[in-house]
Protein backbone atom coordinates (compact mmCIF):
# COMPACT_ATOMS: atom_id res chain seq x y z
CA MET A 1 43.31 10.56 -7.56
CA LYS A 2 41.76 12.91 -5.58
CA LEU A 3 43.42 14.73 -2.80
CA PRO A 4 42.84 14.06 0.66
CA GLY A 5 41.50 17.63 1.80
CA THR A 6 38.24 17.97 1.32
CA TYR A 7 37.15 14.69 2.83
CA TYR A 8 38.75 15.56 6.11
CA ALA A 9 37.28 19.29 5.84
CA CYS A 10 33.88 16.89 5.42
CA SER A 11 34.46 15.01 8.25
CA ALA A 12 35.41 17.90 10.47
CA GLY A 13 32.27 19.36 9.71
CA MET A 14 30.13 16.11 10.77
CA THR A 15 32.47 15.83 14.00
CA ALA A 16 31.24 19.56 14.87
CA PHE A 17 27.79 19.62 13.15
CA GLY A 18 26.50 16.01 13.56
CA GLN A 19 27.01 13.05 11.05
CA THR A 20 23.58 13.46 9.04
CA GLY A 21 22.85 15.08 5.93
CA ALA A 22 21.70 18.86 7.91
CA GLY A 23 25.15 18.27 9.63
CA LEU A 24 26.84 18.87 6.01
CA HIS A 25 24.39 21.26 4.95
CA LEU A 26 25.43 23.08 8.47
CA THR A 27 29.16 22.70 7.44
CA LEU A 28 28.16 24.39 3.63
CA LEU A 29 26.54 27.12 5.70
CA ALA A 30 29.72 27.62 7.81
CA VAL A 31 32.12 27.31 4.88
CA ASN A 32 30.05 29.99 2.62
CA GLY A 33 30.03 32.34 5.46
CA LEU A 34 32.85 32.32 6.24
CA THR A 35 34.02 32.75 2.28
CA ILE A 36 31.81 35.72 2.27
CA LEU A 37 33.13 37.08 4.75
CA PHE A 38 36.31 36.84 3.82
CA VAL A 39 35.58 38.12 0.14
CA PHE A 40 34.08 41.23 1.99
CA PHE A 41 37.63 42.14 3.63
CA LEU A 42 39.31 41.30 0.47
CA GLY A 43 37.09 43.74 -1.55
CA ARG A 44 37.23 46.28 1.45
CA ARG A 45 41.03 46.14 1.49
CA LEU A 46 41.07 46.60 -2.22
CA PHE A 47 38.55 49.17 -3.11
CA GLY A 48 36.94 50.15 -0.25
CA LYS A 49 33.63 49.23 1.82
CA LEU A 50 31.17 49.75 -0.92
CA ALA A 51 33.09 47.52 -3.48
CA GLY A 52 33.58 44.96 -0.60
CA LEU A 53 29.60 44.85 0.47
CA VAL A 54 28.92 44.42 -3.11
CA SER A 55 31.32 41.78 -3.66
CA ALA A 56 30.36 39.65 -0.79
CA ALA A 57 26.45 40.12 -1.60
CA SER A 58 27.17 38.90 -5.01
CA TYR A 59 29.29 36.28 -4.05
CA GLY A 60 27.03 35.21 -1.66
CA ILE A 61 24.16 34.91 -4.04
CA MET A 62 26.04 33.42 -6.86
CA SER A 63 27.51 30.65 -4.65
CA VAL A 64 24.29 29.59 -3.48
CA SER A 65 22.73 29.07 -7.43
CA PRO A 66 21.86 25.58 -8.72
CA VAL A 67 24.76 25.90 -11.50
CA VAL A 68 27.44 25.80 -9.46
CA LEU A 69 25.51 23.08 -7.36
CA GLY A 70 25.52 25.38 -4.39
CA MET A 71 23.45 24.35 -1.91
CA ALA A 72 25.36 21.01 -2.49
CA ILE A 73 29.00 20.55 -0.31
CA HIS A 74 31.36 20.61 -2.90
CA ALA A 75 35.41 20.66 -2.88
CA ASN A 76 34.99 24.20 -4.79
CA HIS A 77 33.63 25.69 -1.21
CA PHE A 78 36.77 24.41 0.38
CA VAL A 79 39.03 25.31 -2.01
CA VAL A 80 37.38 29.04 -2.32
CA LEU A 81 37.71 29.14 1.72
CA PHE A 82 41.02 29.15 1.96
CA ALA A 83 42.06 30.65 -1.41
CA VAL A 84 40.33 34.46 -0.66
CA PRO A 85 42.08 34.86 2.93
CA ALA A 86 45.43 33.45 1.36
CA THR A 87 44.91 36.20 -1.05
CA LEU A 88 44.34 38.99 1.30
CA LEU A 89 46.71 37.53 3.22
CA LEU A 90 49.61 37.75 0.47
CA TRP A 91 48.40 41.06 -0.05
CA GLN A 92 48.64 42.28 3.26
CA GLY A 93 51.97 40.75 3.49
CA GLN A 94 53.69 42.38 0.11
CA LYS A 95 52.27 45.71 1.37
CA ASN A 96 53.55 45.68 4.91
CA ASN A 97 57.06 43.36 4.02
CA ARG A 98 55.43 41.04 6.76
CA LEU A 99 56.85 37.40 6.03
CA HIS A 100 54.80 35.73 8.02
CA PHE A 101 51.88 37.17 6.33
CA MET A 102 53.29 35.60 3.32
CA PHE A 103 53.95 31.69 5.04
CA PHE A 104 50.45 31.82 6.03
CA SER A 105 49.68 33.00 2.95
CA GLY A 106 51.52 30.07 1.45
CA LEU A 107 49.94 27.64 3.82
CA LEU A 108 46.69 28.40 2.83
CA PHE A 109 47.16 28.11 -0.73
CA GLY A 110 48.56 24.68 -0.03
CA LEU A 111 45.35 23.58 2.17
CA ALA A 112 42.85 24.86 -1.18
CA PHE A 113 45.45 22.82 -3.33
CA LEU A 114 44.75 20.00 -0.47
CA MET A 115 41.02 20.35 -1.55
CA LYS A 116 41.15 19.89 -4.81
CA GLN A 117 43.83 19.77 -7.28
CA GLN A 118 42.14 23.15 -9.40
CA GLY A 119 43.55 24.92 -6.27
CA LEU A 120 46.83 24.44 -7.47
CA VAL A 121 46.06 27.66 -9.81
CA PHE A 122 45.25 29.89 -7.18
CA GLY A 123 48.92 28.86 -5.84
CA ALA A 124 50.64 29.80 -9.00
CA PHE A 125 48.53 32.93 -8.89
CA GLY A 126 50.48 33.53 -5.31
CA GLU A 127 53.54 33.20 -6.97
CA ILE A 128 53.09 35.84 -9.50
């Protein structure tokens, strides 16, 4: 049984960029670009600007690798899109003791789970 998140995400991308193969590739480009940006923000918050740049560049290169089907839109791209900012919000919420950051972190972890069942592992990470 597959969860519906990836279908809805691809549908939203096709609505925004067109119902063609090029539209799906533009969706992948947007999702990957946002994830790279979030990886940069997380790396910068945790370890500084240089670490943020290196981690974002590393993710960008590895995410388009043929080994991980990087040029094909896949549920894993959407899981990471929601899990990385959820982790950033969780860290920020615990650091500043802000409940609304933790609420939105949980919401994003839940969306990561809706994209693919393995996204539940990220939610368990947030529980710890």
